[in-house]
Structure formats: structure tokens, C-alpha cells
Amino acid sequence: MDNSDNYATQLYLSDFLRKPLVRRIIDTLDLPPGSKGIDIGCGIGSHTLVLAESVGRSGNVVGIDLSEHFINRANEIAGQSGSSPPAAFRKGDMNAIPFEDNSFDWAWSMDCVGYAPGDKMDPLREISRIVKPCGRVFILAWSSQQLLPGHPRLEARLNATSAGTAPFVHGQPPEYHFLKALGWFKAAGLKDYTATTFVESVQAPLTDEQQTALISLFEMRWGSSKSELSGNDGLAFQRLCHPGSPDFILNLPDYYGFFTYTMFHGMVDG
């Protein structure tokens, strides 16, 4: 399995945990029925479909992603879902969005705009260009987690590794951290900007799908951090987070964990 296939699979599995939270977040947006929106960095498109459901049969939602592999996967998932109206997907770069000015009523981006490495302002300027005056902009990203109950020191060390702090890169200025996005919105000329953090919890007894999603999440968040851990911490990570271990943490009858997504919301100046 190549990297694109592997990451697409991880995205698919993680939705067993994330999708209920994504639905709750989208419900809070009160997207107007019949409105036209764009999902920037749509990945495999599962959240684009939820957005399409929210605006109804007379609405229109398009998802763009730089990865042609993800776009192909999104079209497959949309075809299998039988959702109505279906979302449309096309290849596109968040720094050069392939649509005319004032094309959309709103824009959404999850784990992409502000989350991906690189300049933070260019994507927001592009969004301000393609969204109509007084249109709304939503960007959100994974912002925290507590998933190893009883082992806060180990989890703190995992979260301090390069993988655990991703997408923030050591040496970048503080202004590049996702939680600085209110300043980006101001600099991009957006108005009425706000931030909200949403929490999703998971507890035993876990379904097979939840276990599979958490295993995938452990690998996504911390899998490449092994070389940065001390010997004892590395062994503890394997002991607690490997499904074949007798001490596998997800088998605990009192398991509980949570994660958060933080959303920044603003309006294009009209």
C-alpha cells in the first residue's frame, strides 16, 4: 500500500470517531438551505457529503483536494453513499482555488487551511476572493487529545514529539500555530471572527469500529515518534497501544478518552 492509500485508509477509519462530532459542528453552522459552498482540502470527501446534506437538495457543495488519489476515492464514496444531492469533487489547490470571484456563499476547511505547512495567509486570501461579500468562512482542525488514561506523563511526551505537535514544526514562528488563526482572519480582512472548541469523548465498552479507529489514530498521531522516545517510553507506548499486547489500553473496562476540534469562523467583508 503506498502512502496515499495508507493515509486515505487512516482517514476513512478515523471517521468512525470523528464523524459524529463533525455532524454536530455542521449542525451549529445553520447553513442556509439551497446555498452553495466549498470544502477545501476535502480528502476522501466524507465530510463534504455531510455538508451537502445540510444545504439540502437545492444546495450545491464542491470538494477540492490537491491529491487526485483522494478525489478519486471521494467520488467512489459519494457513488456508494447514494446521498442526495451528491457533492461534486475536483482537483484543486487551496493557494490557487480554481473558481471565479464570488462563486460561493460559504467555505469550509477541516485539517487543511491553516493546518497544512506553508504560508497561512495565501489560502485565506483565496477564500476571501471566491466567497461572496458577507459570505462565511469556517476553518477547523484537531487541537488536542487525551487518549491514554492513567498515563499522562507518557502521553505528554508523545505529544511533545515532532509527530505529536504536527502540523506545528519546531522553529516556526508562533504566528504559524493553528490557534493563532484569529490574527490570520484579521490580517485577511475578514470580520466578526470568533473561535469555538468542540469536544468528543469515547468510553468503554468500545465497538469494533471505535477500536479500529483509535488504533489508526494512535498510529497517525504518534506512530513516527518512536525514534524520539527514550527506551522505556518507547516500550510503554508499544505495550499500551499495540493491539496484540496483554496491556492494550483499549481493552480496559473503564477506558475513557476525548479529543477536541477548534473552529475559527469569520465573514467576508461586504
C-alpha atoms as a PDB file:
ATOM      1  CA  MET A   1       0.000   0.000   0.000  1.00  0.00           C
ATOM      2  CA  ASP A   2       1.510   3.360  -0.994  1.00  0.00           C
ATOM      3  CA  ASN A   3       1.414   6.444   1.228  1.00  0.00           C
ATOM      4  CA  SER A   4      -1.717   7.872  -0.435  1.00  0.00           C
ATOM      5  CA  ASP A   5      -3.620   4.610   0.001  1.00  0.00           C
ATOM      6  CA  ASN A   6      -2.443   4.280   3.579  1.00  0.00           C
ATOM      7  CA  TYR A   7      -3.432   7.830   4.530  1.00  0.00           C
ATOM      8  CA  ALA A   8      -6.797   7.539   2.761  1.00  0.00           C
ATOM      9  CA  THR A   9      -7.470   4.378   4.775  1.00  0.00           C
ATOM     10  CA  GLN A  10      -6.497   6.141   8.004  1.00  0.00           C
ATOM     11  CA  LEU A  11      -8.873   8.996   7.176  1.00  0.00           C
ATOM     12  CA  TYR A  12     -11.665   6.512   6.500  1.00  0.00           C
ATOM     13  CA  LEU A  13     -11.086   4.660   9.774  1.00  0.00           C
ATOM     14  CA  SER A  14     -10.759   7.837  11.838  1.00  0.00           C
ATOM     15  CA  ASP A  15     -14.235   8.885  10.740  1.00  0.00           C
ATOM     16  CA  PHE A  16     -15.721   6.218  12.987  1.00  0.00           C
ATOM     17  CA  LEU A  17     -14.661   8.595  15.768  1.00  0.00           C
ATOM     18  CA  ARG A  18     -14.748  11.994  14.067  1.00  0.00           C
ATOM     19  CA  LYS A  19     -17.932  11.911  12.017  1.00  0.00           C
ATOM     20  CA  PRO A  20     -20.417  12.265  14.915  1.00  0.00           C
ATOM     21  CA  LEU A  21     -18.513  15.350  16.053  1.00  0.00           C
ATOM     22  CA  VAL A  22     -18.328  16.716  12.507  1.00  0.00           C
ATOM     23  CA  ARG A  23     -22.105  16.354  12.184  1.00  0.00           C
ATOM     24  CA  ARG A  24     -22.632  18.243  15.429  1.00  0.00           C
ATOM     25  CA  ILE A  25     -20.310  21.023  14.306  1.00  0.00           C
ATOM     26  CA  ILE A  26     -22.023  21.332  10.926  1.00  0.00           C
ATOM     27  CA  ASP A  27     -25.413  21.467  12.662  1.00  0.00           C
ATOM     28  CA  THR A  28     -24.236  24.554  14.567  1.00  0.00           C
ATOM     29  CA  LEU A  29     -23.376  26.394  11.329  1.00  0.00           C
ATOM     30  CA  ASP A  30     -27.011  26.837  10.236  1.00  0.00           C
ATOM     31  CA  LEU A  31     -26.016  26.732   6.579  1.00  0.00           C
ATOM     32  CA  PRO A  32     -28.851  28.215   4.504  1.00  0.00           C
ATOM     33  CA  PRO A  33     -30.853  25.630   2.540  1.00  0.00           C
ATOM     34  CA  GLY A  34     -30.046  25.963  -1.130  1.00  0.00           C
ATOM     35  CA  SER A  35     -26.723  27.680  -0.509  1.00  0.00           C
ATOM     36  CA  LYS A  36     -23.535  26.992  -2.432  1.00  0.00           C
ATOM     37  CA  GLY A  37     -20.380  26.020  -0.562  1.00  0.00           C
ATOM     38  CA  ILE A  38     -16.888  24.634  -0.980  1.00  0.00           C
ATOM     39  CA  ASP A  39     -14.926  22.117   1.106  1.00  0.00           C
ATOM     40  CA  ILE A  40     -11.224  22.957   0.725  1.00  0.00           C
ATOM     41  CA  GLY A  41      -8.889  20.025   1.276  1.00  0.00           C
ATOM     42  CA  CYS A  42     -11.815  17.615   1.234  1.00  0.00           C
ATOM     43  CA  GLY A  43      -9.685  14.462   1.441  1.00  0.00           C
ATOM     44  CA  ILE A  44     -11.849  11.409   0.766  1.00  0.00           C
ATOM     45  CA  GLY A  45     -14.996  13.555   0.808  1.00  0.00           C
ATOM     46  CA  SER A  46     -16.925  12.081   3.721  1.00  0.00           C
ATOM     47  CA  HIS A  47     -17.423  15.474   5.372  1.00  0.00           C
ATOM     48  CA  THR A  48     -18.290  17.098   2.048  1.00  0.00           C
ATOM     49  CA  LEU A  49     -21.259  14.730   1.886  1.00  0.00           C
ATOM     50  CA  VAL A  50     -22.418  15.834   5.359  1.00  0.00           C
ATOM     51  CA  LEU A  51     -22.192  19.466   4.223  1.00  0.00           C
ATOM     52  CA  ALA A  52     -24.231  18.597   1.133  1.00  0.00           C
ATOM     53  CA  GLU A  53     -26.917  17.015   3.309  1.00  0.00           C
ATOM     54  CA  SER A  54     -27.023  20.176   5.401  1.00  0.00           C
ATOM     55  CA  VAL A  55     -27.834  22.516   2.491  1.00  0.00           C
ATOM     56  CA  GLY A  56     -30.481  20.202   1.037  1.00  0.00           C
ATOM     57  CA  ARG A  57     -31.468  19.126  -2.446  1.00  0.00           C
ATOM     58  CA  SER A  58     -31.441  22.661  -3.841  1.00  0.00           C
ATOM     59  CA  GLY A  59     -27.955  23.364  -2.495  1.00  0.00           C
ATOM     60  CA  ASN A  60     -24.594  22.720  -4.053  1.00  0.00           C
ATOM     61  CA  VAL A  61     -21.291  21.694  -2.447  1.00  0.00           C
ATOM     62  CA  VAL A  62     -17.993  21.036  -4.185  1.00  0.00           C
ATOM     63  CA  GLY A  63     -14.932  19.479  -2.591  1.00  0.00           C
ATOM     64  CA  ILE A  64     -11.410  20.190  -3.806  1.00  0.00           C
ATOM     65  CA  ASP A  65      -8.155  18.488  -2.902  1.00  0.00           C
ATOM     66  CA  LEU A  66      -4.634  18.594  -4.289  1.00  0.00           C
ATOM     67  CA  SER A  67      -4.455  14.781  -4.317  1.00  0.00           C
ATOM     68  CA  GLU A  68      -6.005  13.173  -7.379  1.00  0.00           C
ATOM     69  CA  HIS A  69      -5.993   9.884  -5.472  1.00  0.00           C
ATOM     70  CA  PHE A  70      -8.205  11.413  -2.752  1.00  0.00           C
ATOM     71  CA  ILE A  71     -10.543  12.921  -5.344  1.00  0.00           C
ATOM     72  CA  ASN A  72     -10.967   9.512  -6.988  1.00  0.00           C
ATOM     73  CA  ARG A  73     -11.651   7.953  -3.592  1.00  0.00           C
ATOM     74  CA  ALA A  74     -14.148  10.714  -2.760  1.00  0.00           C
ATOM     75  CA  ASN A  75     -16.063  10.056  -5.975  1.00  0.00           C
ATOM     76  CA  GLU A  76     -16.176   6.346  -5.133  1.00  0.00           C
ATOM     77  CA  ILE A  77     -17.505   7.022  -1.625  1.00  0.00           C
ATOM     78  CA  ALA A  78     -20.087   9.502  -2.962  1.00  0.00           C
ATOM     79  CA  GLY A  79     -21.272   6.952  -5.510  1.00  0.00           C
ATOM     80  CA  GLN A  80     -21.621   4.273  -2.841  1.00  0.00           C
ATOM     81  CA  SER A  81     -23.407   6.556  -0.383  1.00  0.00           C
ATOM     82  CA  GLY A  82     -26.359   7.262  -2.655  1.00  0.00           C
ATOM     83  CA  SER A  83     -26.609  10.658  -0.991  1.00  0.00           C
ATOM     84  CA  SER A  84     -28.916  13.249  -2.493  1.00  0.00           C
ATOM     85  CA  PRO A  85     -27.839  15.739  -3.522  1.00  0.00           C
ATOM     86  CA  PRO A  86     -24.414  14.298  -4.246  1.00  0.00           C
ATOM     87  CA  ALA A  87     -21.378  16.502  -3.770  1.00  0.00           C
ATOM     88  CA  ALA A  88     -19.044  17.216  -6.673  1.00  0.00           C
ATOM     89  CA  PHE A  89     -15.280  16.749  -6.423  1.00  0.00           C
ATOM     90  CA  ARG A  90     -12.386  18.117  -8.414  1.00  0.00           C
ATOM     91  CA  LYS A  91      -8.644  18.540  -8.072  1.00  0.00           C
ATOM     92  CA  GLY A  92      -7.676  21.945  -6.758  1.00  0.00           C
ATOM     93  CA  ASP A  93      -5.012  23.840  -4.809  1.00  0.00           C
ATOM     94  CA  MET A  94      -6.030  25.891  -1.767  1.00  0.00           C
ATOM     95  CA  ASN A  95      -3.465  28.517  -2.790  1.00  0.00           C
ATOM     96  CA  ALA A  96      -4.989  28.882  -6.265  1.00  0.00           C
ATOM     97  CA  ILE A  97      -8.622  27.789  -5.959  1.00  0.00           C
ATOM     98  CA  PRO A  98      -9.980  27.015  -9.458  1.00  0.00           C
ATOM     99  CA  PHE A  99     -13.148  29.126  -9.264  1.00  0.00           C
ATOM    100  CA  GLU A 100     -14.165  32.661 -10.186  1.00  0.00           C
ATOM    101  CA  ASP A 101     -14.537  35.503  -7.694  1.00  0.00           C
ATOM    102  CA  ASN A 102     -17.697  35.473  -5.534  1.00  0.00           C
ATOM    103  CA  SER A 103     -18.599  31.899  -6.505  1.00  0.00           C
ATOM    104  CA  PHE A 104     -19.698  30.599  -3.087  1.00  0.00           C
ATOM    105  CA  ASP A 105     -21.909  31.536  -0.158  1.00  0.00           C
ATOM    106  CA  TRP A 106     -19.559  29.876   2.325  1.00  0.00           C
ATOM    107  CA  ALA A 107     -16.278  27.953   2.575  1.00  0.00           C
ATOM    108  CA  TRP A 108     -15.280  25.135   4.926  1.00  0.00           C
ATOM    109  CA  SER A 109     -11.876  23.563   5.509  1.00  0.00           C
ATOM    110  CA  MET A 110     -11.062  20.845   8.027  1.00  0.00           C
ATOM    111  CA  ASP A 111      -7.457  19.878   8.806  1.00  0.00           C
ATOM    112  CA  CYS A 112      -6.245  21.772   5.743  1.00  0.00           C
ATOM    113  CA  VAL A 113      -6.344  25.596   5.591  1.00  0.00           C
ATOM    114  CA  GLY A 114      -4.150  26.813   8.451  1.00  0.00           C
ATOM    115  CA  TYR A 115      -3.255  23.230   9.319  1.00  0.00           C
ATOM    116  CA  ALA A 116      -1.125  22.306   6.312  1.00  0.00           C
ATOM    117  CA  PRO A 117       2.510  23.506   6.293  1.00  0.00           C
ATOM    118  CA  GLY A 118       3.321  26.710   4.457  1.00  0.00           C
ATOM    119  CA  ASP A 119       2.017  30.245   4.300  1.00  0.00           C
ATOM    120  CA  LYS A 120      -1.190  30.789   6.259  1.00  0.00           C
ATOM    121  CA  MET A 121      -2.421  33.941   4.526  1.00  0.00           C
ATOM    122  CA  ASP A 122      -2.487  32.905   0.858  1.00  0.00           C
ATOM    123  CA  PRO A 123      -5.296  30.338   1.345  1.00  0.00           C
ATOM    124  CA  LEU A 124      -7.379  32.825   3.347  1.00  0.00           C
ATOM    125  CA  ARG A 125      -6.944  35.473   0.670  1.00  0.00           C
ATOM    126  CA  GLU A 126      -8.071  32.943  -1.923  1.00  0.00           C
ATOM    127  CA  ILE A 127     -11.100  32.071   0.185  1.00  0.00           C
ATOM    128  CA  SER A 128     -11.957  35.759   0.552  1.00  0.00           C
ATOM    129  CA  ARG A 129     -11.804  36.025  -3.234  1.00  0.00           C
ATOM    130  CA  ILE A 130     -14.123  33.110  -4.054  1.00  0.00           C
ATOM    131  CA  VAL A 131     -16.669  33.690  -1.251  1.00  0.00           C
ATOM    132  CA  LYS A 132     -19.289  36.375  -1.799  1.00  0.00           C
ATOM    133  CA  PRO A 133     -19.344  39.546   0.326  1.00  0.00           C
ATOM    134  CA  CYS A 134     -20.896  38.722   3.719  1.00  0.00           C
ATOM    135  CA  GLY A 135     -20.291  35.040   3.000  1.00  0.00           C
ATOM    136  CA  ARG A 136     -18.992  32.856   5.807  1.00  0.00           C
ATOM    137  CA  VAL A 137     -15.652  31.107   6.295  1.00  0.00           C
ATOM    138  CA  PHE A 138     -15.041  28.133   8.579  1.00  0.00           C
ATOM    139  CA  ILE A 139     -11.659  26.527   9.204  1.00  0.00           C
ATOM    140  CA  LEU A 140     -11.164  23.860  11.832  1.00  0.00           C
ATOM    141  CA  ALA A 141      -8.528  21.436  12.952  1.00  0.00           C
ATOM    142  CA  TRP A 142      -7.724  18.790  15.522  1.00  0.00           C
ATOM    143  CA  SER A 143      -6.474  20.723  18.547  1.00  0.00           C
ATOM    144  CA  SER A 144      -5.941  18.300  21.460  1.00  0.00           C
ATOM    145  CA  GLN A 145      -6.497  14.828  22.802  1.00  0.00           C
ATOM    146  CA  GLN A 146      -6.297  12.781  25.991  1.00  0.00           C
ATOM    147  CA  LEU A 147      -6.396   9.150  24.874  1.00  0.00           C
ATOM    148  CA  LEU A 148      -4.099   7.302  27.305  1.00  0.00           C
ATOM    149  CA  PRO A 149      -5.974   7.454  30.628  1.00  0.00           C
ATOM    150  CA  GLY A 150      -3.731   6.751  33.608  1.00  0.00           C
ATOM    151  CA  HIS A 151      -0.564   7.602  31.674  1.00  0.00           C
ATOM    152  CA  PRO A 152      -0.439  11.419  31.468  1.00  0.00           C
ATOM    153  CA  ARG A 153       3.385  11.637  31.520  1.00  0.00           C
ATOM    154  CA  LEU A 154       3.757   9.214  28.612  1.00  0.00           C
ATOM    155  CA  GLU A 155       1.031  10.997  26.637  1.00  0.00           C
ATOM    156  CA  ALA A 156       2.667  14.372  27.337  1.00  0.00           C
ATOM    157  CA  ARG A 157       5.973  13.037  25.991  1.00  0.00           C
ATOM    158  CA  LEU A 158       4.257  11.622  22.907  1.00  0.00           C
ATOM    159  CA  ASN A 159       2.520  14.941  22.316  1.00  0.00           C
ATOM    160  CA  ALA A 160       5.867  16.749  22.551  1.00  0.00           C
ATOM    161  CA  THR A 161       7.415  14.762  19.682  1.00  0.00           C
ATOM    162  CA  SER A 162       7.528  16.025  16.101  1.00  0.00           C
ATOM    163  CA  ALA A 163       4.594  13.776  15.203  1.00  0.00           C
ATOM    164  CA  GLY A 164       2.635  14.773  18.299  1.00  0.00           C
ATOM    165  CA  THR A 165       2.942  18.516  17.649  1.00  0.00           C
ATOM    166  CA  ALA A 166       2.146  18.215  13.928  1.00  0.00           C
ATOM    167  CA  PRO A 167       1.333  20.279  11.971  1.00  0.00           C
ATOM    168  CA  PHE A 168       3.394  22.743  14.041  1.00  0.00           C
ATOM    169  CA  VAL A 169       7.083  22.438  13.207  1.00  0.00           C
ATOM    170  CA  HIS A 170       9.819  23.271  15.700  1.00  0.00           C
ATOM    171  CA  GLY A 171      11.492  26.513  14.690  1.00  0.00           C
ATOM    172  CA  GLN A 172       8.425  28.047  13.056  1.00  0.00           C
ATOM    173  CA  PRO A 173       7.270  31.403  14.445  1.00  0.00           C
ATOM    174  CA  PRO A 174       4.400  31.269  16.954  1.00  0.00           C
ATOM    175  CA  GLU A 175       2.163  33.007  14.390  1.00  0.00           C
ATOM    176  CA  TYR A 176       2.141  29.764  12.338  1.00  0.00           C
ATOM    177  CA  HIS A 177       0.386  27.811  15.088  1.00  0.00           C
ATOM    178  CA  PHE A 178      -3.227  26.982  14.178  1.00  0.00           C
ATOM    179  CA  LEU A 179      -4.585  28.523  17.381  1.00  0.00           C
ATOM    180  CA  LYS A 180      -3.300  31.910  16.155  1.00  0.00           C
ATOM    181  CA  ALA A 181      -5.908  31.899  13.376  1.00  0.00           C
ATOM    182  CA  LEU A 182      -7.885  34.854  14.767  1.00  0.00           C
ATOM    183  CA  GLY A 183      -4.918  37.001  13.807  1.00  0.00           C
ATOM    184  CA  TRP A 184      -4.898  35.476  10.312  1.00  0.00           C
ATOM    185  CA  PHE A 185      -8.586  36.282   9.879  1.00  0.00           C
ATOM    186  CA  LYS A 186      -7.979  39.890  10.894  1.00  0.00           C
ATOM    187  CA  ALA A 187      -4.999  40.224   8.535  1.00  0.00           C
ATOM    188  CA  ALA A 188      -7.038  38.729   5.669  1.00  0.00           C
ATOM    189  CA  GLY A 189      -9.722  41.392   6.131  1.00  0.00           C
ATOM    190  CA  LEU A 190     -12.402  39.037   7.473  1.00  0.00           C
ATOM    191  CA  LYS A 191     -14.774  40.431  10.065  1.00  0.00           C
ATOM    192  CA  ASP A 192     -16.829  39.195  13.038  1.00  0.00           C
ATOM    193  CA  TYR A 193     -14.307  36.409  13.619  1.00  0.00           C
ATOM    194  CA  THR A 194     -14.738  34.008  16.525  1.00  0.00           C
ATOM    195  CA  ALA A 195     -13.325  30.700  17.799  1.00  0.00           C
ATOM    196  CA  THR A 196     -15.095  27.690  19.311  1.00  0.00           C
ATOM    197  CA  THR A 197     -13.716  24.380  20.571  1.00  0.00           C
ATOM    198  CA  PHE A 198     -15.797  21.203  20.350  1.00  0.00           C
ATOM    199  CA  VAL A 199     -15.199  18.048  22.398  1.00  0.00           C
ATOM    200  CA  GLU A 200     -15.922  14.419  21.527  1.00  0.00           C
ATOM    201  CA  SER A 201     -15.467  11.662  24.090  1.00  0.00           C
ATOM    202  CA  VAL A 202     -15.198   7.908  23.773  1.00  0.00           C
ATOM    203  CA  GLN A 203     -15.641   5.347  26.514  1.00  0.00           C
ATOM    204  CA  ALA A 204     -15.855   1.627  27.134  1.00  0.00           C
ATOM    205  CA  PRO A 205     -17.334  -0.633  26.038  1.00  0.00           C
ATOM    206  CA  LEU A 206     -15.833   0.271  22.667  1.00  0.00           C
ATOM    207  CA  THR A 207     -17.294  -1.020  19.434  1.00  0.00           C
ATOM    208  CA  ASP A 208     -15.005  -2.804  16.997  1.00  0.00           C
ATOM    209  CA  GLU A 209     -15.188   0.257  14.763  1.00  0.00           C
ATOM    210  CA  GLN A 210     -14.161   2.573  17.599  1.00  0.00           C
ATOM    211  CA  GLN A 211     -11.239   0.329  18.497  1.00  0.00           C
ATOM    212  CA  THR A 212     -10.093   0.206  14.875  1.00  0.00           C
ATOM    213  CA  ALA A 213     -10.365   3.985  14.596  1.00  0.00           C
ATOM    214  CA  LEU A 214      -8.390   4.577  17.802  1.00  0.00           C
ATOM    215  CA  ILE A 215      -5.650   2.162  16.716  1.00  0.00           C
ATOM    216  CA  SER A 216      -5.386   4.074  13.454  1.00  0.00           C
ATOM    217  CA  LEU A 217      -5.373   7.346  15.387  1.00  0.00           C
ATOM    218  CA  PHE A 218      -2.533   6.189  17.652  1.00  0.00           C
ATOM    219  CA  GLU A 219      -0.516   5.482  14.514  1.00  0.00           C
ATOM    220  CA  MET A 220      -1.448   8.781  12.834  1.00  0.00           C
ATOM    221  CA  ARG A 221      -0.648  10.894  15.907  1.00  0.00           C
ATOM    222  CA  TRP A 222       2.339   9.103  17.371  1.00  0.00           C
ATOM    223  CA  GLY A 223       3.432   6.274  15.080  1.00  0.00           C
ATOM    224  CA  SER A 224       6.506   8.042  13.709  1.00  0.00           C
ATOM    225  CA  SER A 225       7.624   9.323  17.115  1.00  0.00           C
ATOM    226  CA  LYS A 226       9.373   6.142  18.270  1.00  0.00           C
ATOM    227  CA  SER A 227      12.867   7.424  17.444  1.00  0.00           C
ATOM    228  CA  GLU A 228      12.314  10.474  19.698  1.00  0.00           C
ATOM    229  CA  LEU A 229      11.272   8.451  22.743  1.00  0.00           C
ATOM    230  CA  SER A 230      13.523   7.066  25.448  1.00  0.00           C
ATOM    231  CA  GLY A 231      13.799   3.295  25.620  1.00  0.00           C
ATOM    232  CA  ASN A 232      11.330   2.996  28.486  1.00  0.00           C
ATOM    233  CA  ASP A 233       8.813   5.372  26.889  1.00  0.00           C
ATOM    234  CA  GLY A 234       9.045   3.537  23.584  1.00  0.00           C
ATOM    235  CA  LEU A 235       8.402   0.239  25.295  1.00  0.00           C
ATOM    236  CA  ALA A 236       5.480   1.711  27.241  1.00  0.00           C
ATOM    237  CA  PHE A 237       3.964   3.058  24.014  1.00  0.00           C
ATOM    238  CA  GLN A 238       4.183  -0.362  22.377  1.00  0.00           C
ATOM    239  CA  ARG A 239       2.816  -2.084  25.482  1.00  0.00           C
ATOM    240  CA  LEU A 240      -0.200   0.213  25.776  1.00  0.00           C
ATOM    241  CA  CYS A 241      -1.012   0.964  22.139  1.00  0.00           C
ATOM    242  CA  HIS A 242      -0.305  -2.294  20.315  1.00  0.00           C
ATOM    243  CA  PRO A 243      -3.439  -4.442  19.841  1.00  0.00           C
ATOM    244  CA  GLY A 244      -1.516  -7.677  20.479  1.00  0.00           C
ATOM    245  CA  SER A 245      -0.264  -6.563  23.881  1.00  0.00           C
ATOM    246  CA  PRO A 246      -1.857  -8.034  27.034  1.00  0.00           C
ATOM    247  CA  ASP A 247      -1.850  -4.461  28.408  1.00  0.00           C
ATOM    248  CA  PHE A 248      -3.561  -2.918  25.369  1.00  0.00           C
ATOM    249  CA  ILE A 249      -5.206   0.192  26.776  1.00  0.00           C
ATOM    250  CA  LEU A 250      -8.368  -0.054  24.667  1.00  0.00           C
ATOM    251  CA  ASN A 251      -9.254  -3.330  26.394  1.00  0.00           C
ATOM    252  CA  LEU A 252      -9.680  -1.583  29.739  1.00  0.00           C
ATOM    253  CA  PRO A 253     -13.264  -1.949  31.014  1.00  0.00           C
ATOM    254  CA  ASP A 254     -13.132   1.645  32.285  1.00  0.00           C
ATOM    255  CA  TYR A 255     -11.441   3.189  29.235  1.00  0.00           C
ATOM    256  CA  TYR A 256     -12.255   6.854  28.615  1.00  0.00           C
ATOM    257  CA  GLY A 257     -10.669   9.434  26.340  1.00  0.00           C
ATOM    258  CA  PHE A 258     -11.523  12.601  24.465  1.00  0.00           C
ATOM    259  CA  PHE A 259     -10.332  14.814  21.629  1.00  0.00           C
ATOM    260  CA  THR A 260     -11.106  18.336  20.501  1.00  0.00           C
ATOM    261  CA  TYR A 261     -11.557  20.263  17.281  1.00  0.00           C
ATOM    262  CA  THR A 262     -11.227  24.040  17.231  1.00  0.00           C
ATOM    263  CA  MET A 263     -13.132  26.058  14.616  1.00  0.00           C
ATOM    264  CA  PHE A 264     -12.475  29.631  13.510  1.00  0.00           C
ATOM    265  CA  HIS A 265     -15.382  31.422  11.858  1.00  0.00           C
ATOM    266  CA  GLY A 266     -15.416  34.763  10.088  1.00  0.00           C
ATOM    267  CA  MET A 267     -17.265  36.735   7.422  1.00  0.00           C
ATOM    268  CA  VAL A 268     -16.009  38.167   4.150  1.00  0.00           C
ATOM    269  CA  ASP A 269     -16.203  41.937   4.276  1.00  0.00           C
ATOM    270  CA  GLY A 270     -19.211  43.233   2.387  1.00  0.00           C
END
